[in-house]
């Protein structure tokens, strides 16, 4: 497993963790999903521009 595989695994995991935090935590689930989605978007940008496939 290389760093690109880790990035691919972290993208949906950040959204799921955000949903769990929103569901179980003191913040609304929408806020948790937005935070997780923003993190996933950052990871997409990193995987495309910093560590491109095949690099």
PDB file of N, CA and C in Angstrom:
ATOM      1  N   UNK A   1       0.849  -1.181   0.000  1.00  0.00           N
ATOM      2  CA  UNK A   1       0.000   0.000   0.000  1.00  0.00           C
ATOM      3  C   UNK A   1       0.892   1.242   0.000  1.00  0.00           C
ATOM      4  N   UNK A   2       0.615   2.154  -0.906  1.00  0.00           N
ATOM      5  CA  UNK A   2       1.411   3.368  -0.971  1.00  0.00           C
ATOM      6  C   UNK A   2       0.612   4.560  -0.435  1.00  0.00           C
ATOM      7  N   UNK A   3       1.199   5.745  -0.500  1.00  0.00           N
ATOM      8  CA  UNK A   3       0.537   6.923   0.070  1.00  0.00           C
ATOM      9  C   UNK A   3      -0.718   7.300  -0.709  1.00  0.00           C
ATOM     10  N   UNK A   4      -0.761   6.986  -2.001  1.00  0.00           N
ATOM     11  CA  UNK A   4      -1.952   7.280  -2.788  1.00  0.00           C
ATOM     12  C   UNK A   4      -3.135   6.431  -2.317  1.00  0.00           C
ATOM     13  N   UNK A   5      -2.891   5.174  -1.989  1.00  0.00           N
ATOM     14  CA  UNK A   5      -3.953   4.313  -1.469  1.00  0.00           C
ATOM     15  C   UNK A   5      -4.489   4.851  -0.140  1.00  0.00           C
ATOM     16  N   UNK A   6      -3.588   5.358   0.681  1.00  0.00           N
ATOM     17  CA  UNK A   6      -4.013   5.955   1.942  1.00  0.00           C
ATOM     18  C   UNK A   6      -4.891   7.173   1.729  1.00  0.00           C
ATOM     19  N   UNK A   7      -4.545   7.999   0.742  1.00  0.00           N
ATOM     20  CA  UNK A   7      -5.373   9.158   0.424  1.00  0.00           C
ATOM     21  C   UNK A   7      -6.756   8.728  -0.067  1.00  0.00           C
ATOM     22  N   UNK A   8      -6.785   7.705  -0.917  1.00  0.00           N
ATOM     23  CA  UNK A   8      -8.070   7.214  -1.416  1.00  0.00           C
ATOM     24  C   UNK A   8      -8.943   6.659  -0.293  1.00  0.00           C
ATOM     25  N   UNK A   9      -8.341   6.025   0.680  1.00  0.00           N
ATOM     26  CA  UNK A   9      -9.099   5.488   1.812  1.00  0.00           C
ATOM     27  C   UNK A   9      -9.560   6.591   2.752  1.00  0.00           C
ATOM     28  N   UNK A  10      -8.779   7.652   2.869  1.00  0.00           N
ATOM     29  CA  UNK A  10      -9.106   8.724   3.809  1.00  0.00           C
ATOM     30  C   UNK A  10     -10.254   9.603   3.320  1.00  0.00           C
ATOM     31  N   UNK A  11     -10.484   9.656   2.022  1.00  0.00           N
ATOM     32  CA  UNK A  11     -11.540  10.527   1.487  1.00  0.00           C
ATOM     33  C   UNK A  11     -12.927  10.154   2.006  1.00  0.00           C
ATOM     34  N   UNK A  12     -13.403   8.932   1.791  1.00  0.00           N
ATOM     35  CA  UNK A  12     -14.726   8.601   2.334  1.00  0.00           C
ATOM     36  C   UNK A  12     -14.716   8.477   3.852  1.00  0.00           C
ATOM     37  N   UNK A  13     -13.574   8.113   4.427  1.00  0.00           N
ATOM     38  CA  UNK A  13     -13.501   7.982   5.873  1.00  0.00           C
ATOM     39  C   UNK A  13     -13.738   9.323   6.555  1.00  0.00           C
ATOM     40  N   UNK A  14     -13.240  10.422   5.961  1.00  0.00           N
ATOM     41  CA  UNK A  14     -13.441  11.730   6.581  1.00  0.00           C
ATOM     42  C   UNK A  14     -14.915  12.124   6.580  1.00  0.00           C
ATOM     43  N   UNK A  15     -15.638  11.769   5.531  1.00  0.00           N
ATOM     44  CA  UNK A  15     -17.068  12.078   5.484  1.00  0.00           C
ATOM     45  C   UNK A  15     -17.824  11.230   6.502  1.00  0.00           C
ATOM     46  N   UNK A  16     -17.475   9.954   6.603  1.00  0.00           N
ATOM     47  CA  UNK A  16     -18.139   9.077   7.570  1.00  0.00           C
ATOM     48  C   UNK A  16     -17.861   9.531   8.997  1.00  0.00           C
ATOM     49  N   UNK A  17     -16.629   9.895   9.287  1.00  0.00           N
ATOM     50  CA  UNK A  17     -16.291  10.364  10.635  1.00  0.00           C
ATOM     51  C   UNK A  17     -17.025  11.669  10.935  1.00  0.00           C
ATOM     52  N   UNK A  18     -17.126  12.552   9.953  1.00  0.00           N
ATOM     53  CA  UNK A  18     -17.889  13.783  10.148  1.00  0.00           C
ATOM     54  C   UNK A  18     -19.350  13.509  10.452  1.00  0.00           C
ATOM     55  N   UNK A  19     -19.934  12.528   9.760  1.00  0.00           N
ATOM     56  CA  UNK A  19     -21.327  12.168  10.024  1.00  0.00           C
ATOM     57  C   UNK A  19     -21.495  11.575  11.423  1.00  0.00           C
ATOM     58  N   UNK A  20     -20.560  10.746  11.830  1.00  0.00           N
ATOM     59  CA  UNK A  20     -20.637  10.145  13.170  1.00  0.00           C
ATOM     60  C   UNK A  20     -20.502  11.215  14.243  1.00  0.00           C
ATOM     61  N   UNK A  21     -19.564  12.144  14.049  1.00  0.00           N
ATOM     62  CA  UNK A  21     -19.405  13.238  15.016  1.00  0.00           C
ATOM     63  C   UNK A  21     -20.670  14.073  15.081  1.00  0.00           C
ATOM     64  N   UNK A  22     -21.271  14.349  13.934  1.00  0.00           N
ATOM     65  CA  UNK A  22     -22.515  15.111  13.922  1.00  0.00           C
ATOM     66  C   UNK A  22     -23.668  14.366  14.558  1.00  0.00           C
ATOM     67  N   UNK A  23     -23.685  13.065  14.393  1.00  0.00           N
ATOM     68  CA  UNK A  23     -24.778  12.271  14.936  1.00  0.00           C
ATOM     69  C   UNK A  23     -24.637  12.092  16.447  1.00  0.00           C
ATOM     70  N   UNK A  24     -23.433  11.833  16.903  1.00  0.00           N
ATOM     71  CA  UNK A  24     -23.216  11.552  18.316  1.00  0.00           C
ATOM     72  C   UNK A  24     -22.758  12.761  19.121  1.00  0.00           C
ATOM     73  N   UNK A  25     -22.248  13.771  18.456  1.00  0.00           N
ATOM     74  CA  UNK A  25     -21.664  14.912  19.147  1.00  0.00           C
ATOM     75  C   UNK A  25     -22.661  16.031  19.375  1.00  0.00           C
ATOM     76  N   UNK A  26     -22.121  17.164  19.794  1.00  0.00           N
ATOM     77  CA  UNK A  26     -22.950  18.314  20.127  1.00  0.00           C
ATOM     78  C   UNK A  26     -23.250  19.186  18.910  1.00  0.00           C
ATOM     79  N   UNK A  27     -22.627  18.900  17.764  1.00  0.00           N
ATOM     80  CA  UNK A  27     -22.866  19.688  16.556  1.00  0.00           C
ATOM     81  C   UNK A  27     -23.936  19.011  15.707  1.00  0.00           C
ATOM     82  N   UNK A  28     -24.667  19.784  14.912  1.00  0.00           N
ATOM     83  CA  UNK A  28     -25.652  19.169  14.008  1.00  0.00           C
ATOM     84  C   UNK A  28     -24.964  18.272  12.976  1.00  0.00           C
ATOM     85  N   UNK A  29     -25.693  17.283  12.509  1.00  0.00           N
ATOM     86  CA  UNK A  29     -25.113  16.339  11.557  1.00  0.00           C
ATOM     87  C   UNK A  29     -24.687  17.044  10.269  1.00  0.00           C
ATOM     88  N   UNK A  30     -25.402  18.097   9.893  1.00  0.00           N
ATOM     89  CA  UNK A  30     -25.040  18.848   8.691  1.00  0.00           C
ATOM     90  C   UNK A  30     -23.654  19.469   8.830  1.00  0.00           C
ATOM     91  N   UNK A  31     -23.353  20.001  10.001  1.00  0.00           N
ATOM     92  CA  UNK A  31     -22.040  20.600  10.238  1.00  0.00           C
ATOM     93  C   UNK A  31     -20.956  19.531  10.165  1.00  0.00           C
ATOM     94  N   UNK A  32     -21.221  18.362  10.732  1.00  0.00           N
ATOM     95  CA  UNK A  32     -20.260  17.264  10.660  1.00  0.00           C
ATOM     96  C   UNK A  32     -20.015  16.813   9.232  1.00  0.00           C
ATOM     97  N   UNK A  33     -21.084  16.732   8.453  1.00  0.00           N
ATOM     98  CA  UNK A  33     -20.940  16.323   7.057  1.00  0.00           C
ATOM     99  C   UNK A  33     -20.185  17.366   6.239  1.00  0.00           C
ATOM    100  N   UNK A  34     -20.462  18.636   6.495  1.00  0.00           N
ATOM    101  CA  UNK A  34     -19.751  19.697   5.772  1.00  0.00           C
ATOM    102  C   UNK A  34     -18.259  19.662   6.110  1.00  0.00           C
ATOM    103  N   UNK A  35     -17.948  19.509   7.397  1.00  0.00           N
ATOM    104  CA  UNK A  35     -16.535  19.455   7.797  1.00  0.00           C
ATOM    105  C   UNK A  35     -15.837  18.249   7.168  1.00  0.00           C
ATOM    106  N   UNK A  36     -16.482  17.093   7.198  1.00  0.00           N
ATOM    107  CA  UNK A  36     -15.897  15.900   6.587  1.00  0.00           C
ATOM    108  C   UNK A  36     -15.745  16.039   5.084  1.00  0.00           C
ATOM    109  N   UNK A  37     -16.715  16.675   4.451  1.00  0.00           N
ATOM    110  CA  UNK A  37     -16.648  16.872   3.004  1.00  0.00           C
ATOM    111  C   UNK A  37     -15.553  17.859   2.621  1.00  0.00           C
ATOM    112  N   UNK A  38     -15.364  18.908   3.417  1.00  0.00           N
ATOM    113  CA  UNK A  38     -14.278  19.852   3.144  1.00  0.00           C
ATOM    114  C   UNK A  38     -12.924  19.165   3.252  1.00  0.00           C
ATOM    115  N   UNK A  39     -12.777  18.325   4.267  1.00  0.00           N
ATOM    116  CA  UNK A  39     -11.530  17.582   4.404  1.00  0.00           C
ATOM    117  C   UNK A  39     -11.336  16.633   3.226  1.00  0.00           C
ATOM    118  N   UNK A  40     -12.407  15.972   2.803  1.00  0.00           N
ATOM    119  CA  UNK A  40     -12.307  15.080   1.644  1.00  0.00           C
ATOM    120  C   UNK A  40     -11.930  15.860   0.391  1.00  0.00           C
ATOM    121  N   UNK A  41     -12.462  17.077   0.241  1.00  0.00           N
ATOM    122  CA  UNK A  41     -12.099  17.910  -0.905  1.00  0.00           C
ATOM    123  C   UNK A  41     -10.629  18.291  -0.899  1.00  0.00           C
ATOM    124  N   UNK A  42     -10.112  18.582   0.278  1.00  0.00           N
ATOM    125  CA  UNK A  42      -8.684  18.886   0.402  1.00  0.00           C
ATOM    126  C   UNK A  42      -7.855  17.663   0.019  1.00  0.00           C
ATOM    127  N   UNK A  43      -8.298  16.485   0.466  1.00  0.00           N
ATOM    128  CA  UNK A  43      -7.577  15.262   0.127  1.00  0.00           C
ATOM    129  C   UNK A  43      -7.627  14.971  -1.373  1.00  0.00           C
ATOM    130  N   UNK A  44      -8.742  15.289  -2.018  1.00  0.00           N
ATOM    131  CA  UNK A  44      -8.832  15.127  -3.474  1.00  0.00           C
ATOM    132  C   UNK A  44      -7.822  16.037  -4.159  1.00  0.00           C
ATOM    133  N   UNK A  45      -7.754  17.295  -3.709  1.00  0.00           N
ATOM    134  CA  UNK A  45      -6.795  18.229  -4.302  1.00  0.00           C
ATOM    135  C   UNK A  45      -5.358  17.761  -4.096  1.00  0.00           C
ATOM    136  N   UNK A  46      -5.063  17.259  -2.911  1.00  0.00           N
ATOM    137  CA  UNK A  46      -3.715  16.751  -2.642  1.00  0.00           C
ATOM    138  C   UNK A  46      -3.415  15.563  -3.548  1.00  0.00           C
ATOM    139  N   UNK A  47      -4.373  14.657  -3.690  1.00  0.00           N
ATOM    140  CA  UNK A  47      -4.121  13.470  -4.503  1.00  0.00           C
ATOM    141  C   UNK A  47      -3.992  13.801  -5.991  1.00  0.00           C
ATOM    142  N   UNK A  48      -4.612  14.876  -6.442  1.00  0.00           N
ATOM    143  CA  UNK A  48      -4.518  15.242  -7.855  1.00  0.00           C
ATOM    144  C   UNK A  48      -3.293  16.088  -8.176  1.00  0.00           C
ATOM    145  N   UNK A  49      -2.952  17.019  -7.277  1.00  0.00           N
ATOM    146  CA  UNK A  49      -1.921  17.998  -7.613  1.00  0.00           C
ATOM    147  C   UNK A  49      -0.610  17.817  -6.874  1.00  0.00           C
ATOM    148  N   UNK A  50      -0.647  17.255  -5.684  1.00  0.00           N
ATOM    149  CA  UNK A  50       0.596  17.079  -4.917  1.00  0.00           C
ATOM    150  C   UNK A  50       1.184  15.692  -5.156  1.00  0.00           C
ATOM    151  N   UNK A  51       0.335  14.666  -5.093  1.00  0.00           N
ATOM    152  CA  UNK A  51       0.772  13.281  -5.299  1.00  0.00           C
ATOM    153  C   UNK A  51      -0.086  12.693  -6.428  1.00  0.00           C
ATOM    154  N   UNK A  52       0.177  13.068  -7.674  1.00  0.00           N
ATOM    155  CA  UNK A  52      -0.668  12.582  -8.768  1.00  0.00           C
ATOM    156  C   UNK A  52      -0.506  11.078  -8.982  1.00  0.00           C
ATOM    157  N   UNK A  53      -1.535  10.434  -9.528  1.00  0.00           N
ATOM    158  CA  UNK A  53      -1.426   9.001  -9.812  1.00  0.00           C
ATOM    159  C   UNK A  53      -0.270   8.725 -10.774  1.00  0.00           C
ATOM    160  N   UNK A  54       0.447   7.692 -10.495  1.00  0.00           N
ATOM    161  CA  UNK A  54       1.569   7.329 -11.338  1.00  0.00           C
ATOM    162  C   UNK A  54       2.850   8.070 -11.011  1.00  0.00           C
ATOM    163  N   UNK A  55       2.813   8.892  -9.971  1.00  0.00           N
ATOM    164  CA  UNK A  55       4.014   9.661  -9.619  1.00  0.00           C
ATOM    165  C   UNK A  55       4.958   8.805  -8.794  1.00  0.00           C
TER     166      UNK A  55
END
